[in-house]
Protein backbone atom coordinates (compact mmCIF):
# COMPACT_ATOMS: atom_id res chain seq x y z
CA MET A 1 -6.45 59.25 -12.35
CA LEU A 2 -5.35 58.17 -15.32
CA SER A 3 -7.28 55.37 -16.74
CA GLU A 4 -5.26 52.38 -18.07
CA GLN A 5 -6.11 52.45 -21.67
CA ARG A 6 -5.43 56.60 -21.72
CA LEU A 7 -1.91 55.76 -20.17
CA GLN A 8 -0.89 53.07 -22.92
CA GLU A 9 -2.11 55.73 -25.19
CA PHE A 10 0.34 58.20 -23.19
CA TYR A 11 3.04 55.26 -23.37
CA ARG A 12 3.19 55.19 -27.14
CA GLN A 13 3.48 58.76 -27.82
CA PHE A 14 6.44 58.81 -25.31
CA PRO A 15 7.91 55.64 -25.63
CA GLU A 16 11.45 57.14 -23.82
CA ILE A 17 9.71 57.58 -20.48
CA HIS A 18 10.03 54.17 -18.41
CA PHE A 19 6.49 52.70 -17.01
CA CYS A 20 7.09 53.43 -13.71
CA GLU A 21 7.64 57.19 -14.32
CA LEU A 22 4.13 56.77 -16.38
CA SER A 23 2.85 55.60 -12.63
CA LEU A 24 4.16 58.71 -10.91
CA LEU A 25 2.54 60.38 -13.59
CA GLN A 26 -0.67 58.80 -12.65
CA LEU A 27 0.23 59.00 -8.92
CA HIS A 28 0.54 63.32 -8.87
CA LYS A 29 -3.04 63.33 -11.08
CA VAL A 30 -1.17 64.72 -13.96
CA GLU A 31 -4.05 64.79 -16.96
CA LEU A 32 -3.22 63.54 -19.93
CA GLY A 33 -4.91 65.76 -21.84
CA GLU A 34 -3.09 68.62 -20.26
CA VAL A 35 -0.07 67.10 -21.37
CA MET A 36 -1.08 66.78 -25.21
CA ALA A 37 -2.21 69.79 -25.15
CA LYS A 38 1.05 71.27 -23.53
CA ARG A 39 2.97 69.16 -26.50
CA GLY A 40 0.58 70.75 -29.32
CA ALA A 41 1.24 74.13 -28.17
CA GLU A 42 4.89 73.70 -28.28
CA GLY A 43 4.85 71.92 -31.26
CA SER A 44 3.84 75.27 -32.74
CA GLN A 45 5.80 77.27 -31.00
CA GLN A 46 8.78 75.26 -31.40
CA PRO A 47 8.71 73.11 -33.97
CA GLY A 48 10.93 69.93 -34.19
CA SER A 49 10.91 70.49 -29.77
CA HIS A 50 9.04 67.37 -29.89
CA LEU A 51 12.33 65.16 -30.40
CA PRO A 52 11.54 63.28 -33.36
CA ALA A 53 12.77 59.73 -34.38
CA SER A 54 16.22 61.09 -35.72
CA SER A 55 17.09 63.52 -33.07
CA PRO A 56 19.41 61.62 -30.04
CA LYS A 57 17.09 61.49 -27.39
CA LYS A 58 18.20 63.14 -24.23
CA PRO A 59 18.53 60.94 -21.16
CA LEU A 60 15.87 60.79 -18.84
CA PHE A 61 17.89 60.76 -15.76
CA GLY A 62 20.77 63.06 -16.65
CA PHE A 63 20.62 65.59 -13.82
CA LYS A 64 22.55 67.96 -12.81
CA ASN A 65 22.61 68.98 -9.15
CA ASP A 66 22.25 72.43 -9.98
CA TRP A 67 19.44 72.43 -12.07
CA ILE A 68 16.62 74.71 -11.04
CA GLY A 69 12.63 74.27 -12.97
CA ARG A 70 9.64 75.38 -12.42
CA SER A 71 6.09 73.40 -12.98
CA PRO A 72 4.51 75.15 -16.09
CA LEU A 73 0.88 73.79 -14.41
CA GLY A 74 1.92 74.66 -10.67
CA ARG A 75 2.40 78.43 -9.43
CA GLY A 76 6.65 79.54 -8.10
CA ARG A 77 9.56 77.77 -8.63
CA TRP A 78 10.74 74.47 -6.96
CA GLU A 79 13.53 72.94 -7.02
CA ALA A 80 14.40 68.95 -7.95
CA PRO A 81 15.64 67.06 -5.34
CA THR A 82 19.17 65.53 -5.98
CA LEU A 83 20.44 62.21 -6.11
CA ASP A 84 22.26 62.29 -2.82
CA GLN A 85 18.71 63.56 -1.05
CA PRO A 86 17.70 60.40 1.32
CA ASP A 87 13.40 61.41 1.08
CA CYS A 88 11.33 62.05 -1.63
CA VAL A 89 9.78 65.38 -2.13
CA SER A 90 5.94 65.48 -2.51
CA PRO A 91 5.81 68.10 -5.16
CA PRO A 92 4.15 71.53 -4.08
CA PRO A 93 0.16 71.59 -4.25
CA ARG A 94 -1.67 72.33 -8.14
CA GLY A 95 -2.05 75.96 -8.46
CA GLY A 96 -3.47 77.95 -11.74
CA ARG A 97 -1.92 76.95 -15.75
CA GLU A 98 0.40 79.51 -16.05
CA GLU A 99 3.10 78.91 -18.37
CA ALA A 100 6.73 79.14 -17.97
CA GLN A 101 8.54 80.74 -20.57
CA GLY A 102 11.50 78.31 -21.91
CA ASP A 103 9.92 75.00 -20.45
CA THR A 104 9.31 72.63 -22.96
CA LEU A 105 7.19 69.42 -22.10
CA GLU A 106 10.17 67.30 -21.79
CA SER A 107 11.68 69.61 -19.16
CA TYR A 108 8.49 69.38 -17.12
CA LEU A 109 8.22 66.26 -17.44
CA PHE A 110 11.48 65.20 -16.47
CA SER A 111 11.38 67.88 -13.74
CA LEU A 112 8.47 65.55 -12.26
CA LEU A 113 10.11 62.30 -12.67
CA ARG A 114 13.35 63.15 -11.74
CA ARG A 115 11.77 63.58 -8.42
CA GLU A 116 10.91 60.46 -7.90
CA SER A 117 13.45 58.46 -9.36
CA SER A 118 15.41 57.29 -6.55
CA CYS A 119 12.14 56.01 -4.90
CA CYS A 120 10.81 53.98 -8.04
CA CYS A 121 12.91 53.13 -10.66
CA SER A 122 16.21 53.19 -8.51
CA SER A 123 13.78 50.80 -5.80
CA PRO A 124 14.70 47.18 -6.10
CA ARG A 125 11.31 46.56 -6.47
CA PRO A 126 10.05 49.04 -9.23
CA ARG A 127 5.88 50.03 -8.94
CA ARG A 128 4.34 47.72 -11.23
CA MET A 129 1.63 48.81 -13.66
CA PRO A 130 -2.18 47.49 -12.67
CA PHE A 131 -2.14 45.65 -15.85
CA GLN A 132 1.03 43.42 -14.63
CA GLN A 133 0.02 43.18 -11.39
CA GLY A 134 -1.63 40.26 -12.28
CA SER A 135 0.59 38.17 -14.17
CA ALA A 136 2.99 38.61 -11.40
CA ARG A 137 0.70 36.88 -8.92
CA THR A 138 0.20 34.20 -11.29
CA ARG A 139 4.20 33.58 -11.71
CA GLN A 140 4.87 33.87 -7.92
CA ARG A 141 1.52 31.28 -7.24
CA THR A 142 3.16 28.91 -10.30
CA VAL A 143 6.50 28.95 -8.20
CA LEU A 144 5.04 28.30 -5.32
CA LEU A 145 2.71 25.23 -6.58
CA VAL A 146 5.93 23.68 -8.74
CA GLY A 147 7.77 23.95 -5.41
CA ILE A 148 5.13 22.06 -3.09
CA VAL A 149 4.74 19.57 -5.98
CA VAL A 150 8.63 18.81 -6.18
CA LEU A 151 8.76 18.43 -2.51
CA LEU A 152 6.42 15.89 -2.55
CA VAL A 153 7.90 13.77 -5.03
CA VAL A 154 10.83 14.15 -3.33
CA LEU A 155 8.87 12.78 -0.14
CA VAL A 156 7.61 9.94 -2.04
CA LEU A 157 10.91 9.12 -3.41
CA ALA A 158 12.62 8.92 -0.40
CA VAL A 159 9.82 6.68 0.77
CA VAL A 160 10.14 4.30 -1.80
CA LEU A 161 13.87 4.57 -1.62
CA ALA A 162 14.29 3.36 2.35
CA SER A 163 11.24 1.01 1.50
CA VAL A 164 13.49 -0.70 -0.86
CA LEU A 165 16.42 -0.40 0.91
CA THR A 166 14.57 -2.56 4.12
CA HIS A 167 13.05 -5.22 2.76
CA GLY A 168 16.27 -5.61 0.59
CA LYS A 169 18.10 -6.61 3.75
CA PRO A 170 17.30 -10.08 5.18
CA GLU A 171 15.98 -9.68 9.05
CA VAL A 172 17.83 -11.74 11.57
CA SER A 173 15.56 -13.37 13.72
CA PRO A 174 16.33 -15.58 16.71
CA LYS A 175 16.03 -19.00 15.71
CA MET A 176 12.85 -21.04 17.14
CA MET A 177 13.44 -23.71 20.17
CA LYS A 178 13.48 -27.36 19.90
CA TRP A 179 11.72 -29.17 21.67
CA LYS A 180 10.38 -32.80 21.70
CA ASP A 181 7.05 -32.99 21.33
CA ARG A 182 5.02 -32.15 18.06
CA GLY A 183 4.45 -28.36 17.39
CA THR A 184 1.61 -26.28 16.71
CA THR A 185 -1.33 -27.59 14.69
CA LYS A 186 -1.41 -26.13 11.37
CA ASN A 187 -4.11 -24.07 10.82
CA LEU A 188 -5.09 -23.79 14.56
CA GLN A 189 -7.10 -20.47 14.45
CA GLU A 190 -9.41 -22.18 11.96
CA VAL A 191 -9.63 -25.54 13.64
CA ILE A 192 -10.74 -23.57 17.07
CA LEU A 193 -13.43 -21.37 15.39
CA GLY A 194 -14.99 -24.04 13.64
CA ARG A 195 -15.29 -26.13 16.34
CA CYS A 196 -16.37 -23.85 18.78
CA TYR A 197 -18.94 -22.50 15.65
CA SER A 198 -19.95 -26.30 15.54
CA TYR A 199 -20.41 -27.09 19.32
CA VAL A 200 -22.88 -23.96 19.93
CA MET A 201 -24.75 -23.59 16.86
CA ALA A 202 -25.47 -27.56 15.79
CA ARG A 203 -24.57 -29.52 18.97
CA TYR A 204 -25.53 -26.85 22.21
CA PRO A 205 -27.58 -24.32 20.37
CA GLU A 206 -28.63 -23.32 23.60
CA LEU A 207 -25.07 -21.98 24.24
CA GLY A 208 -25.41 -20.17 21.16
CA ASP A 209 -24.18 -16.60 23.17
CA LYS A 210 -20.89 -17.92 22.99
CA ASP A 211 -18.46 -15.52 21.33
CA CYS A 212 -16.07 -17.74 19.08
CA ARG A 213 -13.89 -15.37 18.36
CA LYS A 214 -13.42 -13.55 21.86
CA ILE A 215 -12.90 -17.26 22.54
CA TRP A 216 -9.72 -17.73 20.05
CA GLU A 217 -8.56 -14.20 20.96
CA SER A 218 -8.09 -15.09 24.89
CA LEU A 219 -6.50 -18.35 23.69
CA LYS A 220 -4.23 -16.97 21.71
CA HIS A 221 -2.65 -14.34 23.95
CA ALA A 222 -2.40 -16.41 26.23
CA PHE A 223 0.63 -18.65 24.70
CA VAL A 224 1.84 -16.31 21.33
CA TYR A 225 5.08 -14.83 21.94
CA LYS A 226 5.31 -16.39 25.10
CA ASN A 227 8.33 -18.40 26.37
CA PRO A 228 6.52 -22.24 26.18
CA CYS A 229 7.67 -23.07 29.91
CA ASN A 230 6.46 -20.25 31.67
CA ILE A 231 2.81 -20.07 31.14
CA THR A 232 0.40 -19.91 34.21
CA SER A 233 -2.94 -20.21 35.16
CA GLU A 234 -3.72 -16.50 34.73
CA ASP A 235 -2.84 -16.87 30.94
CA TYR A 236 -5.95 -19.00 30.69
CA GLN A 237 -7.99 -17.51 33.14
CA PRO A 238 -10.11 -15.15 30.47
CA LEU A 239 -10.46 -18.31 28.32
CA LEU A 240 -12.04 -20.68 31.14
CA GLU A 241 -14.46 -17.65 31.84
CA LEU A 242 -15.30 -17.04 28.26
CA ALA A 243 -16.12 -20.74 27.62
CA SER A 244 -17.33 -22.34 30.60
CA HIS A 245 -20.94 -23.20 30.97
CA PRO A 246 -22.98 -25.48 33.18
CA ILE A 247 -22.77 -29.29 33.41
CA PRO A 248 -25.64 -31.24 34.08
CA CYS A 249 -25.74 -32.86 37.65
CA ASN A 250 -25.10 -36.73 37.11
CA LYS A 251 -23.57 -36.68 33.89
CA SER A 252 -20.20 -36.46 34.46
CA LEU A 253 -17.83 -38.72 33.47
CA PHE A 254 -13.79 -38.70 34.48
CA TRP A 255 -11.85 -41.13 32.99
CA SER A 256 -7.70 -42.58 33.35
CA LYS A 257 -5.97 -44.57 30.66
CA THR A 258 -9.21 -45.06 28.70
CA ASN A 259 -9.73 -41.89 26.62
CA ASP A 260 -10.66 -44.08 23.65
CA LEU A 261 -13.24 -46.00 25.35
CA ALA A 262 -14.87 -43.43 27.73
CA HIS A 263 -15.09 -41.27 24.71
CA ARG A 264 -16.84 -44.14 22.39
CA TYR A 265 -18.82 -44.62 25.67
CA THR A 266 -20.41 -40.92 25.69
CA LYS A 267 -21.04 -40.85 21.94
CA SER A 268 -23.23 -43.81 22.13
CA ASN A 269 -24.34 -42.73 25.55
CA GLN A 270 -26.02 -38.78 25.65
CA ASN A 271 -26.44 -39.23 29.18
CA PHE A 272 -23.10 -38.53 30.02
CA LEU A 273 -20.43 -36.28 29.40
CA THR A 274 -16.51 -35.90 29.75
CA LEU A 275 -13.95 -33.19 29.88
CA GLU A 276 -13.79 -33.34 25.84
CA ASP A 277 -17.72 -33.46 25.72
CA THR A 278 -17.37 -29.74 26.81
CA LEU A 279 -16.89 -26.49 24.94
CA LEU A 280 -13.39 -26.34 26.41
CA GLY A 281 -12.11 -29.67 25.44
CA TYR A 282 -13.91 -29.99 22.41
CA MET A 283 -11.83 -27.30 20.89
CA ALA A 284 -9.03 -28.44 22.44
CA ASP A 285 -8.89 -32.16 22.10
CA ARG A 286 -6.10 -33.70 20.11
CA VAL A 287 -4.93 -30.22 19.39
CA SER A 288 -1.22 -28.81 20.33
CA TRP A 289 0.03 -25.67 20.34
CA CYS A 290 3.05 -23.42 22.22
CA GLY A 291 4.28 -19.75 21.36
CA ASP A 292 7.74 -19.06 20.88
CA PRO A 293 9.35 -15.41 22.02
CA SER A 294 10.60 -14.62 18.43
CA ALA A 295 8.12 -14.37 15.08
CA PRO A 296 6.02 -15.43 14.31
CA GLY A 297 4.96 -16.26 18.08
CA ILE A 298 4.16 -19.54 17.05
CA ASN A 299 6.16 -22.77 17.11
CA TYR A 300 5.12 -24.95 14.44
CA GLU A 301 8.04 -27.09 14.71
CA SER A 302 7.91 -28.69 18.14
CA CYS A 303 6.26 -28.15 21.97
CA PRO A 304 7.96 -28.71 24.75
CA LYS A 305 6.47 -31.96 26.58
CA ARG A 306 5.19 -32.28 29.96
CA SER A 307 8.82 -33.99 31.44
CA GLU A 308 10.34 -31.40 29.46
CA CYS A 309 9.24 -28.28 31.45
CA GLU A 310 6.02 -28.95 33.55
CA SER A 311 4.27 -25.33 32.97
CA ASN A 312 4.19 -25.79 28.96
CA PRO A 313 0.66 -24.61 27.55
CA SER A 314 -0.92 -28.17 26.96
CA SER A 315 -0.23 -29.21 30.73
CA VAL A 316 -1.47 -25.75 32.43
CA PHE A 317 -4.72 -25.90 29.92
CA TRP A 318 -5.26 -29.10 30.61
CA LYS A 319 -4.74 -29.16 34.57
CA MET A 320 -7.18 -25.35 34.63
CA ALA A 321 -10.06 -27.34 32.09
CA SER A 322 -9.76 -30.46 34.64
CA LYS A 323 -10.58 -28.48 37.23
CA MET A 324 -13.37 -26.20 36.28
CA PHE A 325 -14.88 -29.65 34.96
CA ALA A 326 -14.50 -31.08 38.51
CA GLU A 327 -15.69 -28.15 40.30
CA ALA A 328 -19.01 -28.21 37.96
CA ALA A 329 -19.91 -31.50 38.63
CA CYS A 330 -22.93 -32.30 40.76
CA GLY A 331 -24.87 -35.61 41.78
CA VAL A 332 -23.38 -39.29 41.10
CA VAL A 333 -20.32 -38.66 39.67
CA GLN A 334 -18.65 -41.85 37.38
CA VAL A 335 -15.15 -42.53 37.08
CA MET A 336 -13.23 -45.27 34.40
CA LEU A 337 -10.51 -46.95 35.41
CA ASN A 338 -7.97 -49.06 33.45
CA GLY A 339 -7.62 -52.43 35.10
CA SER A 340 -5.69 -54.00 32.48
CA ILE A 341 -2.58 -51.70 33.38
CA GLU A 342 0.29 -53.49 35.39
CA ALA A 343 1.32 -50.17 37.33
CA GLY A 344 -2.04 -50.20 39.02
CA ALA A 345 -5.59 -48.49 37.82
CA PHE A 346 -5.13 -45.33 40.01
CA ARG A 347 -2.19 -43.45 39.79
CA SER A 348 -1.95 -40.24 42.11
CA SER A 349 0.15 -38.14 39.45
CA SER A 350 -2.57 -38.66 36.81
CA ILE A 351 -5.20 -35.81 36.20
CA PHE A 352 -7.66 -37.27 37.82
CA GLY A 353 -5.40 -38.76 40.81
CA SER A 354 -4.08 -35.18 41.44
CA ILE A 355 -6.44 -32.45 39.97
CA GLU A 356 -9.87 -33.50 39.40
CA ILE A 357 -10.26 -36.19 42.79
CA PHE A 358 -9.28 -32.89 44.84
CA ASN A 359 -11.75 -30.45 43.32
CA LEU A 360 -14.74 -32.51 43.55
CA ASN A 361 -17.51 -30.82 45.63
CA PRO A 362 -18.81 -32.68 48.52
CA ASP A 363 -21.68 -30.26 48.78
CA LYS A 364 -22.61 -31.17 45.39
CA VAL A 365 -21.57 -34.27 44.66
CA SER A 366 -23.38 -37.17 46.47
CA ALA A 367 -21.74 -40.22 45.44
CA VAL A 368 -18.58 -41.53 43.20
CA ARG A 369 -19.01 -44.41 41.14
CA ILE A 370 -15.81 -46.42 40.09
CA TRP A 371 -16.16 -48.60 36.78
CA LEU A 372 -13.14 -50.64 36.29
CA MET A 373 -12.89 -51.85 33.00
CA HIS A 374 -10.54 -54.38 31.14
CA ASP A 375 -9.68 -54.97 28.09
CA ILE A 376 -11.26 -57.28 26.31
CA GLY A 377 -8.75 -61.14 26.36
CA GLY A 378 -5.99 -58.32 28.52
CA PRO A 379 -5.01 -59.20 31.42
CA GLN A 380 -6.74 -58.50 34.30
CA SER A 381 -4.43 -56.76 36.45
CA GLU A 382 -6.42 -55.38 39.11
CA SER A 383 -9.73 -55.38 40.62
CA CYS A 384 -11.96 -53.57 42.55
CA SER A 385 -10.48 -54.91 45.39
CA GLY A 386 -6.32 -53.95 44.19
CA HIS A 387 -4.16 -52.24 46.06
CA SER A 388 -4.34 -48.87 43.95
CA ILE A 389 -8.21 -48.72 44.14
CA LYS A 390 -8.04 -49.16 47.53
CA ARG A 391 -6.06 -46.28 48.06
CA LEU A 392 -8.64 -44.42 45.86
CA LYS A 393 -11.07 -44.98 48.64
CA SER A 394 -9.24 -44.04 50.83
CA ILE A 395 -8.89 -40.73 49.41
CA LEU A 396 -12.34 -40.51 48.48
CA GLU A 397 -13.71 -41.37 52.05
CA GLU A 398 -11.66 -39.01 53.76
CA ARG A 399 -13.94 -36.55 52.04
CA ASN A 400 -16.93 -37.85 52.53
CA PHE A 401 -17.96 -39.25 49.73
CA THR A 402 -19.82 -42.32 48.97
CA ILE A 403 -18.16 -44.71 46.96
CA THR A 404 -19.10 -47.94 44.95
CA CYS A 405 -16.68 -49.85 42.45
CA GLU A 406 -17.98 -52.48 39.67
CA ASP A 407 -15.74 -54.99 37.51
CA ASN A 408 -16.35 -54.29 33.71
CA TYR A 409 -19.44 -52.08 33.95
CA ARG A 410 -21.70 -53.90 31.27
CA PRO A 411 -23.00 -51.28 29.41
CA VAL A 412 -19.30 -50.31 28.64
CA GLN A 413 -18.32 -53.65 28.15
CA LEU A 414 -21.07 -54.32 25.41
CA LEU A 415 -19.67 -51.81 23.45
CA GLN A 416 -15.88 -53.35 23.56
CA CYS A 417 -18.02 -56.66 22.33
CA VAL A 418 -18.72 -54.56 19.36
CA HIS A 419 -15.04 -55.84 17.93
CA ASN A 420 -15.14 -58.85 19.47
CA PRO A 421 -18.31 -60.28 19.70
CA ASP A 422 -17.11 -63.83 19.91
CA HIS A 423 -15.05 -64.04 22.92
CA ALA A 424 -15.29 -65.81 25.95
CA ASP A 425 -15.85 -61.92 27.75
CA CYS A 426 -18.67 -61.38 25.52
CA ARG A 427 -21.11 -64.36 25.78
CA PRO A 428 -24.26 -63.27 27.00
CA CYS A 429 -24.17 -65.45 30.32
CA THR A 430 -21.00 -63.58 31.30
CA ASN A 431 -21.66 -61.99 35.11
CA ALA A 432 -20.02 -58.89 36.26
CA THR A 433 -19.61 -58.50 39.90
CA ALA A 434 -20.04 -55.01 41.95
CA THR A 435 -18.21 -54.23 44.93
CA PRO A 436 -19.49 -52.38 47.66
């Protein structure tokens, strides 16, 4: 085969030959030395036959259909294929080195190249020289890379344009529902998490295994994006299971209409616990929340009152928490009622009168103590012998509880006297009466 260097040398001496024709010479294994020797011999025998630069160049493919030539390097005669022949004809096998009289180097080359012209030079994809194949591949890769880059740029521009158009249009969302009670507490998540960590880390380290983040997530899932009038007890069940903990016996203190006084007492006396002193109650005390079907799923403007709908988030939560607190009570339990209310100290519609009293377990609770408190200097609308207290005693007796009632339980009354030390009710000789 001809080397690249010798092909280039041959091409310089025969500029009228196309590079694909050189490839054909290489294909037919024509030795450059033979060609050069042949040309030298012709130059000595027939001067001027080498086609000097001043002579007109013979068309390389000016074929005639009746042209017949012989290869000076082969034996015998062979006919070059005509232009209408469909297939390329391979040359005859190479023989000796006989020379045909009257054949020139150019006729030999032309006869050789003419046979392959319809397969090479007239092909839509001509055969390339070896040193041109690398550059062609590089161009193909470059075109491919450029195409990929252009495609990526178009995709990025399309995404950016879509994003701009989307954000440019204001989203129309349904309006929040309007209610009569205050809305969700601001920064509710931070409030709940802070109280949870404070309770399990500082106040009751024995409850340090509680997962406050899971507790918050269960609370959030109970009401977010939900109609605030369609909350069910099942919504809060995962929260209650995560936050529940045992209540020591003899420490449960229930209350009705004595919120402030009952919690002042439990703060000063660690021997008693109200619902708000448990983890659930501590996190939710004086906090409000409710959801809404429209974004962002939480209504910070208003929440429904119990009078607007019974199954609102707050009411359902406190009913569930109160039921759990009553079920956990054991030993002797206490209930603090307000005897200064004209409607009566005990109300069947209250949380205590409708839920807690019916969820006390007679097998776990041995006795119920009623502390009937009156405001210092306020009216004493009812005593332990009053009509609502009698109704309460009747309900408890039917459930086989032992009941005692005491007007103005002295330890609690002394706490009341802190703000009214000179009142007659706060004198040391004041006697408290206990009624069986």
